[in-house]
Amino acid sequence: MFNKPNFAGVTEAQRLLIAHWYACRSSDGLVARDAIDPGIVRSTLACLSVVEVNEDGEGRFRIAGSRLRDIFGMDVRGRRVAEIAGSHGECYALGLSSAVDRGMPVGGLIETAGLLLHAWLRLPVADEFGDLTMVICHDELIQNSRALLPASEDAPQTSPRFAA
């Protein structure tokens, strides 16, 4: 059976979030929603969103950082992921389902129409019943590939650079 390595992050913000997510894991391998400390990840908050996933796998934005308006061109709080058009909406849907199915961080890079790269990360978190019903999402537009970090030996596990 093929076992994909875990995603380790391609930006400093992603690595911070992934490290905090791993530090919050309980013995059953899950991260409780309440275990994430916003103070520790304060520097990433403008690029974060929280998406609630229902039993049908559909996501709805519960919280959306101010920089997500740059990506979507609108405030997405309260909107369903399916309402977001284009590659960004598709990226969200695929990343959400993969994070929930695997119970692990997933992420990657998407080339945008301009010169920007869209670095994305999805971190599944469990509700009070232990069900993976929420995903913490980090989305950042990067102007230059030189802003990407090299593959890290210190990451929880090594990983491919551009895929979940």
N, C-alpha and C. Protein backbone atom coordinates (compact mmCIF):
# COMPACT_ATOMS: atom_id res chain seq x y z
N MET A 1 0.85 -1.18 0.00
CA MET A 1 0.00 0.00 0.00
C MET A 1 0.89 1.24 0.00
N PHE A 2 0.57 2.20 -0.84
CA PHE A 2 1.34 3.43 -0.94
C PHE A 2 0.95 4.36 0.20
N ASN A 3 1.92 4.86 0.92
CA ASN A 3 1.66 5.77 2.01
C ASN A 3 2.35 7.09 1.71
N LYS A 4 1.55 8.12 1.41
CA LYS A 4 2.10 9.43 1.11
C LYS A 4 2.69 10.06 2.36
N PRO A 5 3.84 10.69 2.25
CA PRO A 5 4.38 11.41 3.39
C PRO A 5 3.48 12.59 3.76
N ASN A 6 3.61 13.05 4.98
CA ASN A 6 2.80 14.17 5.44
C ASN A 6 3.34 15.48 4.90
N PHE A 7 2.43 16.41 4.67
CA PHE A 7 2.79 17.73 4.17
C PHE A 7 3.49 18.50 5.28
N ALA A 8 4.64 19.11 4.97
CA ALA A 8 5.44 19.81 5.97
C ALA A 8 5.36 21.33 5.86
N GLY A 9 4.72 21.86 4.81
CA GLY A 9 4.61 23.29 4.65
C GLY A 9 5.66 23.86 3.73
N VAL A 10 5.30 24.94 3.04
CA VAL A 10 6.22 25.58 2.10
C VAL A 10 6.52 27.03 2.48
N THR A 11 5.83 27.55 3.50
CA THR A 11 6.10 28.91 3.98
C THR A 11 6.33 28.86 5.48
N GLU A 12 6.92 29.92 6.00
CA GLU A 12 7.17 30.00 7.44
C GLU A 12 5.85 29.90 8.22
N ALA A 13 4.81 30.58 7.75
CA ALA A 13 3.51 30.54 8.43
C ALA A 13 2.95 29.12 8.45
N GLN A 14 3.05 28.41 7.33
CA GLN A 14 2.55 27.03 7.29
C GLN A 14 3.31 26.15 8.27
N ARG A 15 4.61 26.31 8.33
CA ARG A 15 5.40 25.48 9.25
C ARG A 15 5.04 25.78 10.71
N LEU A 16 4.79 27.04 11.03
CA LEU A 16 4.37 27.41 12.38
C LEU A 16 3.04 26.73 12.72
N LEU A 17 2.08 26.82 11.81
CA LEU A 17 0.76 26.23 12.04
C LEU A 17 0.84 24.71 12.16
N ILE A 18 1.61 24.07 11.30
CA ILE A 18 1.73 22.61 11.34
C ILE A 18 2.40 22.18 12.64
N ALA A 19 3.44 22.88 13.06
CA ALA A 19 4.12 22.54 14.31
C ALA A 19 3.16 22.66 15.49
N HIS A 20 2.36 23.73 15.51
CA HIS A 20 1.39 23.91 16.59
C HIS A 20 0.32 22.82 16.55
N TRP A 21 -0.14 22.48 15.35
CA TRP A 21 -1.15 21.42 15.19
C TRP A 21 -0.60 20.10 15.76
N TYR A 22 0.63 19.73 15.41
CA TYR A 22 1.22 18.50 15.93
C TYR A 22 1.39 18.56 17.45
N ALA A 23 1.75 19.72 17.98
CA ALA A 23 1.93 19.87 19.43
C ALA A 23 0.60 19.69 20.17
N CYS A 24 -0.50 19.95 19.50
CA CYS A 24 -1.83 19.87 20.12
C CYS A 24 -2.49 18.50 19.97
N ARG A 25 -1.87 17.59 19.22
CA ARG A 25 -2.47 16.27 18.99
C ARG A 25 -2.60 15.49 20.30
N SER A 26 -3.73 14.84 20.46
CA SER A 26 -3.94 13.99 21.62
C SER A 26 -3.47 12.58 21.30
N SER A 27 -3.59 11.69 22.26
CA SER A 27 -3.10 10.32 22.08
C SER A 27 -3.85 9.57 20.98
N ASP A 28 -5.07 10.00 20.66
CA ASP A 28 -5.82 9.34 19.58
C ASP A 28 -5.48 9.92 18.20
N GLY A 29 -4.55 10.87 18.16
CA GLY A 29 -4.11 11.45 16.89
C GLY A 29 -4.93 12.63 16.42
N LEU A 30 -5.98 12.99 17.17
CA LEU A 30 -6.83 14.10 16.78
C LEU A 30 -6.40 15.39 17.48
N VAL A 31 -6.75 16.50 16.85
CA VAL A 31 -6.54 17.81 17.45
C VAL A 31 -7.91 18.40 17.74
N ALA A 32 -8.17 18.67 19.00
CA ALA A 32 -9.44 19.29 19.38
C ALA A 32 -9.44 20.75 18.96
N ARG A 33 -10.59 21.20 18.52
CA ARG A 33 -10.74 22.60 18.09
C ARG A 33 -10.27 23.55 19.18
N ASP A 34 -10.61 23.26 20.43
CA ASP A 34 -10.26 24.14 21.54
C ASP A 34 -8.78 24.10 21.90
N ALA A 35 -8.03 23.14 21.38
CA ALA A 35 -6.60 23.03 21.71
C ALA A 35 -5.75 24.05 20.96
N ILE A 36 -6.24 24.54 19.84
CA ILE A 36 -5.47 25.52 19.05
C ILE A 36 -5.48 26.85 19.78
N ASP A 37 -4.31 27.40 20.02
CA ASP A 37 -4.16 28.66 20.75
C ASP A 37 -3.94 29.80 19.76
N PRO A 38 -4.94 30.68 19.61
CA PRO A 38 -4.79 31.80 18.66
C PRO A 38 -3.59 32.70 18.98
N GLY A 39 -3.20 32.78 20.24
CA GLY A 39 -2.06 33.60 20.61
C GLY A 39 -0.76 33.09 20.02
N ILE A 40 -0.63 31.78 19.91
CA ILE A 40 0.59 31.19 19.35
C ILE A 40 0.67 31.43 17.85
N VAL A 41 -0.47 31.44 17.18
CA VAL A 41 -0.50 31.59 15.71
C VAL A 41 -0.96 32.99 15.30
N ARG A 42 -0.82 33.94 16.20
CA ARG A 42 -1.31 35.32 15.96
C ARG A 42 -0.83 35.90 14.64
N SER A 43 0.42 35.64 14.29
CA SER A 43 1.00 36.22 13.08
C SER A 43 0.34 35.69 11.81
N THR A 44 -0.43 34.62 11.90
CA THR A 44 -1.05 34.02 10.72
C THR A 44 -2.54 34.34 10.60
N LEU A 45 -3.12 35.01 11.59
CA LEU A 45 -4.57 35.15 11.66
C LEU A 45 -5.21 35.82 10.44
N ALA A 46 -4.55 36.79 9.84
CA ALA A 46 -5.14 37.48 8.68
C ALA A 46 -5.34 36.55 7.50
N CYS A 47 -4.58 35.46 7.43
CA CYS A 47 -4.67 34.51 6.32
C CYS A 47 -5.44 33.23 6.69
N LEU A 48 -6.01 33.19 7.90
CA LEU A 48 -6.71 31.99 8.35
C LEU A 48 -8.20 32.08 8.11
N SER A 49 -8.79 30.92 7.88
CA SER A 49 -10.23 30.77 7.90
C SER A 49 -10.55 29.48 8.62
N VAL A 50 -11.76 29.40 9.13
CA VAL A 50 -12.25 28.17 9.73
C VAL A 50 -13.48 27.77 8.94
N VAL A 51 -13.44 26.53 8.43
CA VAL A 51 -14.55 26.02 7.63
C VAL A 51 -15.17 24.85 8.38
N GLU A 52 -16.48 24.92 8.55
CA GLU A 52 -17.22 23.83 9.16
C GLU A 52 -17.71 22.91 8.05
N VAL A 53 -17.49 21.61 8.23
CA VAL A 53 -17.86 20.63 7.21
C VAL A 53 -19.03 19.81 7.76
N ASN A 54 -20.13 19.76 6.99
CA ASN A 54 -21.30 19.00 7.45
C ASN A 54 -21.19 17.53 7.07
N GLU A 55 -22.19 16.75 7.44
CA GLU A 55 -22.17 15.30 7.20
C GLU A 55 -22.15 14.95 5.71
N ASP A 56 -22.57 15.86 4.85
CA ASP A 56 -22.53 15.64 3.40
C ASP A 56 -21.20 16.05 2.78
N GLY A 57 -20.28 16.56 3.61
CA GLY A 57 -18.98 16.99 3.11
C GLY A 57 -18.95 18.41 2.58
N GLU A 58 -20.05 19.15 2.74
CA GLU A 58 -20.10 20.54 2.27
C GLU A 58 -19.54 21.46 3.35
N GLY A 59 -18.75 22.44 2.92
CA GLY A 59 -18.12 23.35 3.86
C GLY A 59 -18.76 24.73 3.85
N ARG A 60 -18.72 25.37 5.02
CA ARG A 60 -19.19 26.75 5.17
C ARG A 60 -18.15 27.52 5.97
N PHE A 61 -17.78 28.70 5.47
CA PHE A 61 -16.81 29.54 6.16
C PHE A 61 -17.45 30.10 7.43
N ARG A 62 -16.83 29.84 8.57
CA ARG A 62 -17.30 30.37 9.85
C ARG A 62 -16.51 31.62 10.23
N ILE A 63 -15.21 31.59 9.97
CA ILE A 63 -14.33 32.72 10.24
C ILE A 63 -13.46 32.90 9.01
N ALA A 64 -13.17 34.15 8.65
CA ALA A 64 -12.30 34.40 7.50
C ALA A 64 -11.44 35.62 7.79
N GLY A 65 -10.13 35.44 7.70
CA GLY A 65 -9.19 36.53 7.93
C GLY A 65 -9.28 37.60 6.85
N SER A 66 -8.79 38.77 7.18
CA SER A 66 -8.92 39.92 6.29
C SER A 66 -8.19 39.75 4.95
N ARG A 67 -7.10 39.00 4.89
CA ARG A 67 -6.37 38.83 3.63
C ARG A 67 -7.07 37.90 2.64
N LEU A 68 -8.07 37.17 3.11
CA LEU A 68 -8.80 36.30 2.18
C LEU A 68 -9.60 37.09 1.16
N ARG A 69 -9.90 38.34 1.47
CA ARG A 69 -10.57 39.20 0.48
C ARG A 69 -9.69 39.40 -0.74
N ASP A 70 -8.37 39.42 -0.55
CA ASP A 70 -7.45 39.55 -1.69
C ASP A 70 -7.54 38.34 -2.61
N ILE A 71 -7.77 37.17 -2.04
CA ILE A 71 -7.85 35.95 -2.83
C ILE A 71 -9.21 35.81 -3.50
N PHE A 72 -10.28 36.04 -2.73
CA PHE A 72 -11.63 35.81 -3.25
C PHE A 72 -12.31 37.06 -3.81
N GLY A 73 -11.81 38.23 -3.47
CA GLY A 73 -12.44 39.45 -3.94
C GLY A 73 -13.71 39.80 -3.20
N MET A 74 -13.97 39.13 -2.07
CA MET A 74 -15.17 39.38 -1.27
C MET A 74 -14.98 38.80 0.13
N ASP A 75 -15.85 39.18 1.02
CA ASP A 75 -15.86 38.59 2.36
C ASP A 75 -16.59 37.26 2.25
N VAL A 76 -15.95 36.17 2.68
CA VAL A 76 -16.53 34.84 2.52
C VAL A 76 -17.19 34.31 3.79
N ARG A 77 -17.12 35.06 4.90
CA ARG A 77 -17.74 34.59 6.14
C ARG A 77 -19.21 34.26 5.92
N GLY A 78 -19.59 33.07 6.39
CA GLY A 78 -20.98 32.63 6.27
C GLY A 78 -21.33 31.99 4.94
N ARG A 79 -20.47 32.09 3.96
CA ARG A 79 -20.75 31.53 2.63
C ARG A 79 -20.36 30.05 2.58
N ARG A 80 -21.04 29.33 1.73
CA ARG A 80 -20.67 27.94 1.47
C ARG A 80 -19.46 27.93 0.54
N VAL A 81 -18.60 26.94 0.71
CA VAL A 81 -17.42 26.83 -0.15
C VAL A 81 -17.84 26.69 -1.60
N ALA A 82 -18.95 25.99 -1.85
CA ALA A 82 -19.45 25.80 -3.22
C ALA A 82 -19.81 27.11 -3.91
N GLU A 83 -20.03 28.17 -3.15
CA GLU A 83 -20.37 29.48 -3.74
C GLU A 83 -19.14 30.20 -4.28
N ILE A 84 -17.96 29.76 -3.89
CA ILE A 84 -16.73 30.42 -4.32
C ILE A 84 -16.35 29.86 -5.68
N ALA A 85 -16.30 30.73 -6.65
CA ALA A 85 -16.05 30.31 -8.03
C ALA A 85 -14.56 30.17 -8.32
N GLY A 86 -14.26 29.41 -9.34
CA GLY A 86 -12.91 29.33 -9.87
C GLY A 86 -12.02 28.35 -9.14
N SER A 87 -10.73 28.45 -9.45
CA SER A 87 -9.76 27.49 -8.91
C SER A 87 -9.63 27.58 -7.41
N HIS A 88 -9.85 28.76 -6.83
CA HIS A 88 -9.73 28.89 -5.39
C HIS A 88 -10.82 28.09 -4.69
N GLY A 89 -12.04 28.12 -5.21
CA GLY A 89 -13.12 27.32 -4.64
C GLY A 89 -12.85 25.84 -4.77
N GLU A 90 -12.34 25.43 -5.93
CA GLU A 90 -12.00 24.02 -6.14
C GLU A 90 -10.89 23.59 -5.19
N CYS A 91 -9.90 24.45 -5.00
CA CYS A 91 -8.80 24.17 -4.08
C CYS A 91 -9.34 23.96 -2.67
N TYR A 92 -10.23 24.82 -2.25
CA TYR A 92 -10.81 24.67 -0.92
C TYR A 92 -11.53 23.34 -0.78
N ALA A 93 -12.38 23.00 -1.74
CA ALA A 93 -13.16 21.77 -1.66
C ALA A 93 -12.27 20.54 -1.61
N LEU A 94 -11.29 20.46 -2.49
CA LEU A 94 -10.38 19.31 -2.51
C LEU A 94 -9.55 19.23 -1.23
N GLY A 95 -9.03 20.33 -0.80
CA GLY A 95 -8.22 20.35 0.41
C GLY A 95 -9.01 19.98 1.65
N LEU A 96 -10.26 20.47 1.74
CA LEU A 96 -11.09 20.16 2.89
C LEU A 96 -11.36 18.67 2.99
N SER A 97 -11.81 18.08 1.88
CA SER A 97 -12.15 16.66 1.92
C SER A 97 -10.92 15.81 2.20
N SER A 98 -9.78 16.18 1.65
CA SER A 98 -8.56 15.43 1.87
C SER A 98 -8.11 15.52 3.34
N ALA A 99 -8.18 16.71 3.92
CA ALA A 99 -7.78 16.88 5.32
C ALA A 99 -8.68 16.08 6.25
N VAL A 100 -9.99 16.10 6.00
CA VAL A 100 -10.93 15.37 6.85
C VAL A 100 -10.75 13.87 6.66
N ASP A 101 -10.61 13.42 5.41
CA ASP A 101 -10.45 11.98 5.14
C ASP A 101 -9.16 11.43 5.76
N ARG A 102 -8.07 12.18 5.64
CA ARG A 102 -6.77 11.71 6.13
C ARG A 102 -6.56 12.00 7.61
N GLY A 103 -7.25 13.03 8.12
CA GLY A 103 -7.03 13.44 9.51
C GLY A 103 -5.66 14.03 9.74
N MET A 104 -5.07 14.56 8.68
CA MET A 104 -3.71 15.09 8.71
C MET A 104 -3.66 16.42 7.93
N PRO A 105 -2.61 17.22 8.18
CA PRO A 105 -2.45 18.45 7.39
C PRO A 105 -2.22 18.13 5.91
N VAL A 106 -2.84 18.90 5.06
CA VAL A 106 -2.61 18.82 3.62
C VAL A 106 -2.41 20.23 3.09
N GLY A 107 -1.68 20.35 1.98
CA GLY A 107 -1.46 21.68 1.44
C GLY A 107 -0.68 21.61 0.15
N GLY A 108 -0.38 22.77 -0.38
CA GLY A 108 0.38 22.83 -1.61
C GLY A 108 0.43 24.23 -2.17
N LEU A 109 0.75 24.30 -3.44
CA LEU A 109 0.86 25.57 -4.17
C LEU A 109 0.02 25.50 -5.43
N ILE A 110 -0.58 26.63 -5.75
CA ILE A 110 -1.32 26.75 -7.01
C ILE A 110 -0.79 28.00 -7.71
N GLU A 111 -0.47 27.87 -8.99
CA GLU A 111 -0.08 29.04 -9.76
C GLU A 111 -1.35 29.79 -10.13
N THR A 112 -1.35 31.10 -9.92
CA THR A 112 -2.51 31.92 -10.26
C THR A 112 -2.32 32.50 -11.66
N ALA A 113 -3.33 33.18 -12.14
CA ALA A 113 -3.28 33.75 -13.48
C ALA A 113 -2.17 34.79 -13.61
N GLY A 114 -1.86 35.48 -12.52
CA GLY A 114 -0.80 36.47 -12.56
C GLY A 114 0.53 35.84 -12.21
N LEU A 115 1.37 36.62 -11.57
CA LEU A 115 2.69 36.14 -11.17
C LEU A 115 2.69 35.60 -9.74
N LEU A 116 1.53 35.48 -9.14
CA LEU A 116 1.44 35.07 -7.75
C LEU A 116 1.29 33.56 -7.60
N LEU A 117 1.77 33.06 -6.47
CA LEU A 117 1.54 31.68 -6.08
C LEU A 117 0.57 31.68 -4.91
N HIS A 118 -0.36 30.73 -4.90
CA HIS A 118 -1.31 30.58 -3.80
C HIS A 118 -0.84 29.40 -2.96
N ALA A 119 -0.25 29.69 -1.79
CA ALA A 119 0.16 28.64 -0.85
C ALA A 119 -1.03 28.36 0.05
N TRP A 120 -1.43 27.08 0.13
CA TRP A 120 -2.60 26.73 0.92
C TRP A 120 -2.29 25.58 1.87
N LEU A 121 -3.00 25.58 3.00
CA LEU A 121 -2.83 24.57 4.03
C LEU A 121 -4.19 24.29 4.66
N ARG A 122 -4.49 23.01 4.93
CA ARG A 122 -5.73 22.61 5.59
C ARG A 122 -5.39 21.73 6.78
N LEU A 123 -5.87 22.11 7.97
CA LEU A 123 -5.60 21.40 9.22
C LEU A 123 -6.93 20.94 9.82
N PRO A 124 -7.20 19.64 9.86
CA PRO A 124 -8.47 19.17 10.42
C PRO A 124 -8.48 19.26 11.94
N VAL A 125 -9.61 19.66 12.51
CA VAL A 125 -9.76 19.70 13.96
C VAL A 125 -11.09 19.04 14.34
N ALA A 126 -11.08 18.43 15.53
CA ALA A 126 -12.24 17.68 16.01
C ALA A 126 -13.14 18.54 16.89
N ASP A 127 -14.43 18.24 16.82
CA ASP A 127 -15.38 18.92 17.70
C ASP A 127 -15.38 18.24 19.08
N GLU A 128 -16.28 18.66 19.95
CA GLU A 128 -16.30 18.13 21.32
C GLU A 128 -16.66 16.65 21.39
N PHE A 129 -17.20 16.09 20.29
CA PHE A 129 -17.54 14.67 20.23
C PHE A 129 -16.44 13.82 19.58
N GLY A 130 -15.34 14.46 19.17
CA GLY A 130 -14.25 13.74 18.54
C GLY A 130 -14.41 13.53 17.04
N ASP A 131 -15.38 14.22 16.44
CA ASP A 131 -15.60 14.12 14.99
C ASP A 131 -14.85 15.25 14.29
N LEU A 132 -14.24 14.93 13.14
CA LEU A 132 -13.55 15.95 12.35
C LEU A 132 -14.58 16.74 11.56
N THR A 133 -15.02 17.85 12.12
CA THR A 133 -16.07 18.65 11.50
C THR A 133 -15.61 20.06 11.13
N MET A 134 -14.39 20.40 11.47
CA MET A 134 -13.88 21.72 11.15
C MET A 134 -12.48 21.60 10.59
N VAL A 135 -12.14 22.56 9.74
CA VAL A 135 -10.81 22.61 9.15
C VAL A 135 -10.31 24.04 9.27
N ILE A 136 -9.12 24.17 9.85
CA ILE A 136 -8.45 25.47 9.89
C ILE A 136 -7.67 25.59 8.59
N CYS A 137 -7.93 26.66 7.86
CA CYS A 137 -7.33 26.85 6.54
C CYS A 137 -6.41 28.06 6.56
N HIS A 138 -5.26 27.93 5.93
CA HIS A 138 -4.33 29.05 5.77
C HIS A 138 -4.10 29.23 4.28
N ASP A 139 -4.33 30.43 3.79
CA ASP A 139 -4.17 30.74 2.37
C ASP A 139 -3.40 32.04 2.25
N GLU A 140 -2.34 31.99 1.45
CA GLU A 140 -1.44 33.12 1.34
C GLU A 140 -1.02 33.28 -0.12
N LEU A 141 -1.08 34.50 -0.62
CA LEU A 141 -0.57 34.79 -1.96
C LEU A 141 0.89 35.21 -1.83
N ILE A 142 1.76 34.56 -2.60
CA ILE A 142 3.19 34.80 -2.53
C ILE A 142 3.63 35.37 -3.88
N GLN A 143 4.38 36.46 -3.83
CA GLN A 143 4.78 37.13 -5.06
C GLN A 143 5.94 36.46 -5.76
N ASN A 144 6.75 35.71 -5.04
CA ASN A 144 7.97 35.20 -5.63
C ASN A 144 8.27 33.82 -5.05
N SER A 145 8.67 32.90 -5.89
CA SER A 145 8.97 31.55 -5.42
C SER A 145 10.16 31.53 -4.46
N ARG A 146 10.96 32.59 -4.45
CA ARG A 146 12.07 32.66 -3.50
C ARG A 146 11.58 32.81 -2.06
N ALA A 147 10.32 33.17 -1.88
CA ALA A 147 9.75 33.28 -0.53
C ALA A 147 9.42 31.91 0.05
N LEU A 148 9.47 30.88 -0.78
CA LEU A 148 9.18 29.53 -0.31
C LEU A 148 10.37 28.99 0.47
N LEU A 149 10.08 28.19 1.47
CA LEU A 149 11.14 27.59 2.28
C LEU A 149 11.63 26.30 1.63
N PRO A 150 12.89 25.98 1.82
CA PRO A 150 13.38 24.68 1.33
C PRO A 150 12.75 23.56 2.14
N ALA A 151 12.76 22.37 1.59
CA ALA A 151 12.24 21.21 2.32
C ALA A 151 12.99 21.12 3.64
N SER A 152 12.27 20.83 4.71
CA SER A 152 12.86 20.85 6.05
C SER A 152 13.11 19.45 6.58
N GLU A 153 14.28 19.28 7.18
CA GLU A 153 14.58 18.03 7.87
C GLU A 153 13.94 18.02 9.25
N ASP A 154 13.59 19.22 9.77
CA ASP A 154 13.02 19.33 11.11
C ASP A 154 11.50 19.21 11.11
N ALA A 155 10.87 19.16 9.95
CA ALA A 155 9.42 19.03 9.88
C ALA A 155 9.01 17.68 10.45
N PRO A 156 7.75 17.54 10.88
CA PRO A 156 7.32 16.28 11.47
C PRO A 156 7.66 15.07 10.61
N GLN A 157 7.52 15.19 9.30
CA GLN A 157 7.98 14.18 8.36
C GLN A 157 8.29 14.91 7.06
N THR A 158 9.23 14.42 6.28
CA THR A 158 9.53 15.07 5.01
C THR A 158 8.37 14.85 4.07
N SER A 159 8.31 15.68 3.05
CA SER A 159 7.14 15.62 2.20
C SER A 159 7.43 16.15 0.81
N PRO A 160 6.50 15.90 -0.11
CA PRO A 160 6.61 16.53 -1.41
C PRO A 160 6.42 18.05 -1.24
N ARG A 161 6.99 18.84 -2.09
CA ARG A 161 6.90 20.30 -1.96
C ARG A 161 5.56 20.88 -2.40
N PHE A 162 4.95 20.29 -3.40
CA PHE A 162 3.81 20.96 -4.01
C PHE A 162 2.53 20.16 -4.01
N ALA A 163 2.41 19.17 -3.20
CA ALA A 163 1.18 18.38 -3.19
C ALA A 163 0.85 17.95 -1.78
N ALA A 164 -0.42 17.65 -1.60
CA ALA A 164 -0.89 17.24 -0.27
C ALA A 164 -0.47 15.83 0.02
